[in-house]
Amino acid sequence: MKNFTMRDEEFICENCGELVSPLGYTARDHCPHCLYSKHVDIMPGDRQNTCKGLLKPIGIEKFKDTYKILYKCTSCNEPHKNIMAKDDNMELIIELSKVN
Protein backbone atom coordinates (compact mmCIF):
# COMPACT_ATOMS: atom_id res chain seq x y z
CA MET A 1 0.00 0.00 0.00
CA LYS A 2 1.57 3.24 -1.19
CA ASN A 3 0.26 5.45 1.63
CA PHE A 4 0.94 2.99 4.47
CA THR A 5 3.12 4.29 7.33
CA MET A 6 4.41 1.42 9.49
CA ARG A 7 3.51 2.00 13.14
CA ASP A 8 3.82 -1.06 15.34
CA GLU A 9 3.69 0.56 18.76
CA GLU A 10 2.88 -0.51 22.29
CA PHE A 11 -0.27 1.09 23.70
CA ILE A 12 -2.84 0.80 26.48
CA CYS A 13 -6.28 -0.07 25.14
CA GLU A 14 -8.76 2.70 25.93
CA ASN A 15 -11.61 0.18 26.01
CA CYS A 16 -10.32 -2.64 28.25
CA GLY A 17 -7.19 -1.07 29.79
CA GLU A 18 -4.84 -3.90 28.73
CA LEU A 19 -1.25 -3.17 27.75
CA VAL A 20 -0.90 -4.14 24.07
CA SER A 21 2.54 -5.14 22.77
CA PRO A 22 3.77 -4.47 19.23
CA LEU A 23 2.72 -7.17 16.77
CA GLY A 24 6.17 -7.72 15.27
CA TYR A 25 5.23 -8.72 11.73
CA THR A 26 3.06 -5.75 10.69
CA ALA A 27 1.48 -2.67 12.26
CA ARG A 28 -0.65 -3.28 15.35
CA ASP A 29 -3.97 -1.50 14.76
CA HIS A 30 -6.31 -2.91 17.41
CA CYS A 31 -6.37 -4.56 20.82
CA PRO A 32 -6.03 -8.37 20.63
CA HIS A 33 -7.90 -8.73 23.95
CA CYS A 34 -11.18 -6.90 23.23
CA LEU A 35 -10.64 -6.19 19.48
CA TYR A 36 -11.38 -2.46 19.85
CA SER A 37 -9.37 0.03 17.83
CA LYS A 38 -9.08 3.81 17.78
CA HIS A 39 -10.04 6.17 14.95
CA VAL A 40 -6.63 7.84 14.59
CA ASP A 41 -5.67 7.43 10.91
CA ILE A 42 -6.88 8.86 7.63
CA MET A 43 -4.33 6.78 5.68
CA PRO A 44 -2.91 3.75 7.55
CA GLY A 45 -0.32 4.89 10.11
CA ASP A 46 -0.56 8.65 9.50
CA ARG A 47 -2.24 9.50 12.88
CA GLN A 48 -3.93 12.51 11.17
CA ASN A 49 -7.59 11.80 12.00
CA THR A 50 -8.99 14.31 14.48
CA CYS A 51 -11.92 12.07 15.52
CA LYS A 52 -9.98 9.86 18.00
CA GLY A 53 -13.18 7.90 18.82
CA LEU A 54 -13.15 4.23 19.75
CA LEU A 55 -13.78 1.80 16.92
CA LYS A 56 -16.22 -0.82 18.18
CA PRO A 57 -15.97 -4.27 16.54
CA ILE A 58 -19.33 -5.12 14.93
CA GLY A 59 -18.60 -8.00 12.55
CA ILE A 60 -16.18 -10.05 10.46
CA GLU A 61 -15.70 -10.46 6.72
CA LYS A 62 -13.56 -12.89 4.72
CA PHE A 63 -10.46 -11.29 3.17
CA LYS A 64 -8.05 -13.39 1.06
CA ASP A 65 -6.78 -16.15 3.38
CA THR A 66 -7.78 -14.36 6.59
CA TYR A 67 -10.52 -12.06 7.91
CA LYS A 68 -11.13 -8.38 8.49
CA ILE A 69 -12.77 -7.02 11.63
CA LEU A 70 -15.58 -4.59 10.80
CA TYR A 71 -15.84 -1.52 13.01
CA LYS A 72 -18.15 1.40 13.64
CA CYS A 73 -16.72 4.52 15.29
CA THR A 74 -18.48 5.29 18.56
CA SER A 75 -17.87 9.00 18.01
CA CYS A 76 -18.52 9.78 14.31
CA ASN A 77 -20.22 6.48 13.24
CA GLU A 78 -17.82 6.02 10.30
CA PRO A 79 -17.25 2.38 9.30
CA HIS A 80 -13.72 0.98 9.32
CA LYS A 81 -11.93 -2.37 8.72
CA ASN A 82 -8.75 -3.92 10.13
CA ILE A 83 -7.13 -7.24 9.23
CA MET A 84 -7.30 -9.80 12.01
CA ALA A 85 -4.01 -10.41 13.86
CA LYS A 86 -2.57 -13.83 14.75
CA ASP A 87 -2.94 -13.18 18.50
CA ASP A 88 -6.53 -11.87 18.44
CA ASN A 89 -9.03 -13.24 20.95
CA MET A 90 -10.58 -16.07 18.89
CA GLU A 91 -13.63 -16.36 21.16
CA LEU A 92 -14.54 -12.76 20.30
CA ILE A 93 -13.77 -13.34 16.59
CA ILE A 94 -16.20 -16.31 16.64
CA GLU A 95 -18.86 -14.23 18.38
CA LEU A 96 -18.48 -11.48 15.78
CA SER A 97 -18.78 -14.04 12.98
CA LYS A 98 -22.26 -14.92 14.28
CA VAL A 99 -23.40 -11.29 13.79
CA ASN A 100 -23.08 -11.39 9.98
C-alpha atoms as a PDB file:
ATOM      1  CA  MET A   1       0.000   0.000   0.000  1.00  0.00           C
ATOM      2  CA  LYS A   2       1.566   3.245  -1.191  1.00  0.00           C
ATOM      3  CA  ASN A   3       0.261   5.449   1.634  1.00  0.00           C
ATOM      4  CA  PHE A   4       0.944   2.994   4.470  1.00  0.00           C
ATOM      5  CA  THR A   5       3.117   4.291   7.333  1.00  0.00           C
ATOM      6  CA  MET A   6       4.407   1.422   9.485  1.00  0.00           C
ATOM      7  CA  ARG A   7       3.515   1.996  13.140  1.00  0.00           C
ATOM      8  CA  ASP A   8       3.816  -1.062  15.344  1.00  0.00           C
ATOM      9  CA  GLU A   9       3.691   0.558  18.757  1.00  0.00           C
ATOM     10  CA  GLU A  10       2.875  -0.512  22.293  1.00  0.00           C
ATOM     11  CA  PHE A  11      -0.272   1.092  23.700  1.00  0.00           C
ATOM     12  CA  ILE A  12      -2.842   0.796  26.481  1.00  0.00           C
ATOM     13  CA  CYS A  13      -6.282  -0.069  25.145  1.00  0.00           C
ATOM     14  CA  GLU A  14      -8.757   2.701  25.925  1.00  0.00           C
ATOM     15  CA  ASN A  15     -11.610   0.181  26.010  1.00  0.00           C
ATOM     16  CA  CYS A  16     -10.324  -2.638  28.249  1.00  0.00           C
ATOM     17  CA  GLY A  17      -7.187  -1.074  29.791  1.00  0.00           C
ATOM     18  CA  GLU A  18      -4.839  -3.901  28.729  1.00  0.00           C
ATOM     19  CA  LEU A  19      -1.248  -3.175  27.750  1.00  0.00           C
ATOM     20  CA  VAL A  20      -0.904  -4.143  24.070  1.00  0.00           C
ATOM     21  CA  SER A  21       2.543  -5.137  22.771  1.00  0.00           C
ATOM     22  CA  PRO A  22       3.774  -4.473  19.231  1.00  0.00           C
ATOM     23  CA  LEU A  23       2.723  -7.173  16.769  1.00  0.00           C
ATOM     24  CA  GLY A  24       6.169  -7.717  15.274  1.00  0.00           C
ATOM     25  CA  TYR A  25       5.233  -8.725  11.726  1.00  0.00           C
ATOM     26  CA  THR A  26       3.061  -5.751  10.693  1.00  0.00           C
ATOM     27  CA  ALA A  27       1.480  -2.673  12.259  1.00  0.00           C
ATOM     28  CA  ARG A  28      -0.648  -3.277  15.350  1.00  0.00           C
ATOM     29  CA  ASP A  29      -3.970  -1.502  14.765  1.00  0.00           C
ATOM     30  CA  HIS A  30      -6.307  -2.915  17.409  1.00  0.00           C
ATOM     31  CA  CYS A  31      -6.374  -4.564  20.824  1.00  0.00           C
ATOM     32  CA  PRO A  32      -6.030  -8.374  20.630  1.00  0.00           C
ATOM     33  CA  HIS A  33      -7.897  -8.734  23.949  1.00  0.00           C
ATOM     34  CA  CYS A  34     -11.177  -6.896  23.228  1.00  0.00           C
ATOM     35  CA  LEU A  35     -10.636  -6.191  19.477  1.00  0.00           C
ATOM     36  CA  TYR A  36     -11.376  -2.455  19.853  1.00  0.00           C
ATOM     37  CA  SER A  37      -9.373   0.034  17.826  1.00  0.00           C
ATOM     38  CA  LYS A  38      -9.075   3.814  17.779  1.00  0.00           C
ATOM     39  CA  HIS A  39     -10.041   6.171  14.951  1.00  0.00           C
ATOM     40  CA  VAL A  40      -6.629   7.838  14.588  1.00  0.00           C
ATOM     41  CA  ASP A  41      -5.670   7.432  10.911  1.00  0.00           C
ATOM     42  CA  ILE A  42      -6.883   8.856   7.625  1.00  0.00           C
ATOM     43  CA  MET A  43      -4.329   6.780   5.685  1.00  0.00           C
ATOM     44  CA  PRO A  44      -2.906   3.754   7.550  1.00  0.00           C
ATOM     45  CA  GLY A  45      -0.323   4.894  10.108  1.00  0.00           C
ATOM     46  CA  ASP A  46      -0.564   8.653   9.505  1.00  0.00           C
ATOM     47  CA  ARG A  47      -2.238   9.505  12.878  1.00  0.00           C
ATOM     48  CA  GLN A  48      -3.930  12.505  11.168  1.00  0.00           C
ATOM     49  CA  ASN A  49      -7.587  11.795  11.999  1.00  0.00           C
ATOM     50  CA  THR A  50      -8.989  14.310  14.481  1.00  0.00           C
ATOM     51  CA  CYS A  51     -11.919  12.065  15.522  1.00  0.00           C
ATOM     52  CA  LYS A  52      -9.982   9.856  18.005  1.00  0.00           C
ATOM     53  CA  GLY A  53     -13.181   7.903  18.815  1.00  0.00           C
ATOM     54  CA  LEU A  54     -13.149   4.228  19.753  1.00  0.00           C
ATOM     55  CA  LEU A  55     -13.784   1.803  16.917  1.00  0.00           C
ATOM     56  CA  LYS A  56     -16.224  -0.821  18.175  1.00  0.00           C
ATOM     57  CA  PRO A  57     -15.974  -4.269  16.536  1.00  0.00           C
ATOM     58  CA  ILE A  58     -19.329  -5.120  14.931  1.00  0.00           C
ATOM     59  CA  GLY A  59     -18.604  -8.004  12.554  1.00  0.00           C
ATOM     60  CA  ILE A  60     -16.181 -10.049  10.463  1.00  0.00           C
ATOM     61  CA  GLU A  61     -15.699 -10.459   6.716  1.00  0.00           C
ATOM     62  CA  LYS A  62     -13.565 -12.885   4.718  1.00  0.00           C
ATOM     63  CA  PHE A  63     -10.456 -11.291   3.170  1.00  0.00           C
ATOM     64  CA  LYS A  64      -8.052 -13.388   1.057  1.00  0.00           C
ATOM     65  CA  ASP A  65      -6.777 -16.153   3.383  1.00  0.00           C
ATOM     66  CA  THR A  66      -7.780 -14.355   6.594  1.00  0.00           C
ATOM     67  CA  TYR A  67     -10.516 -12.062   7.914  1.00  0.00           C
ATOM     68  CA  LYS A  68     -11.131  -8.380   8.494  1.00  0.00           C
ATOM     69  CA  ILE A  69     -12.767  -7.021  11.625  1.00  0.00           C
ATOM     70  CA  LEU A  70     -15.578  -4.590  10.799  1.00  0.00           C
ATOM     71  CA  TYR A  71     -15.844  -1.517  13.011  1.00  0.00           C
ATOM     72  CA  LYS A  72     -18.149   1.405  13.643  1.00  0.00           C
ATOM     73  CA  CYS A  73     -16.724   4.518  15.287  1.00  0.00           C
ATOM     74  CA  THR A  74     -18.477   5.286  18.564  1.00  0.00           C
ATOM     75  CA  SER A  75     -17.871   9.003  18.008  1.00  0.00           C
ATOM     76  CA  CYS A  76     -18.524   9.780  14.314  1.00  0.00           C
ATOM     77  CA  ASN A  77     -20.225   6.484  13.237  1.00  0.00           C
ATOM     78  CA  GLU A  78     -17.817   6.022  10.296  1.00  0.00           C
ATOM     79  CA  PRO A  79     -17.248   2.376   9.304  1.00  0.00           C
ATOM     80  CA  HIS A  80     -13.719   0.984   9.318  1.00  0.00           C
ATOM     81  CA  LYS A  81     -11.933  -2.370   8.722  1.00  0.00           C
ATOM     82  CA  ASN A  82      -8.749  -3.924  10.128  1.00  0.00           C
ATOM     83  CA  ILE A  83      -7.126  -7.236   9.227  1.00  0.00           C
ATOM     84  CA  MET A  84      -7.298  -9.802  12.011  1.00  0.00           C
ATOM     85  CA  ALA A  85      -4.007 -10.406  13.863  1.00  0.00           C
ATOM     86  CA  LYS A  86      -2.573 -13.833  14.751  1.00  0.00           C
ATOM     87  CA  ASP A  87      -2.939 -13.184  18.495  1.00  0.00           C
ATOM     88  CA  ASP A  88      -6.525 -11.875  18.443  1.00  0.00           C
ATOM     89  CA  ASN A  89      -9.034 -13.239  20.948  1.00  0.00           C
ATOM     90  CA  MET A  90     -10.582 -16.074  18.892  1.00  0.00           C
ATOM     91  CA  GLU A  91     -13.631 -16.356  21.162  1.00  0.00           C
ATOM     92  CA  LEU A  92     -14.537 -12.758  20.297  1.00  0.00           C
ATOM     93  CA  ILE A  93     -13.769 -13.344  16.591  1.00  0.00           C
ATOM     94  CA  ILE A  94     -16.195 -16.307  16.636  1.00  0.00           C
ATOM     95  CA  GLU A  95     -18.861 -14.227  18.383  1.00  0.00           C
ATOM     96  CA  LEU A  96     -18.484 -11.478  15.777  1.00  0.00           C
ATOM     97  CA  SER A  97     -18.783 -14.038  12.980  1.00  0.00           C
ATOM     98  CA  LYS A  98     -22.262 -14.919  14.280  1.00  0.00           C
ATOM     99  CA  VAL A  99     -23.395 -11.289  13.791  1.00  0.00           C
ATOM    100  CA  ASN A 100     -23.084 -11.393   9.979  1.00  0.00           C
END
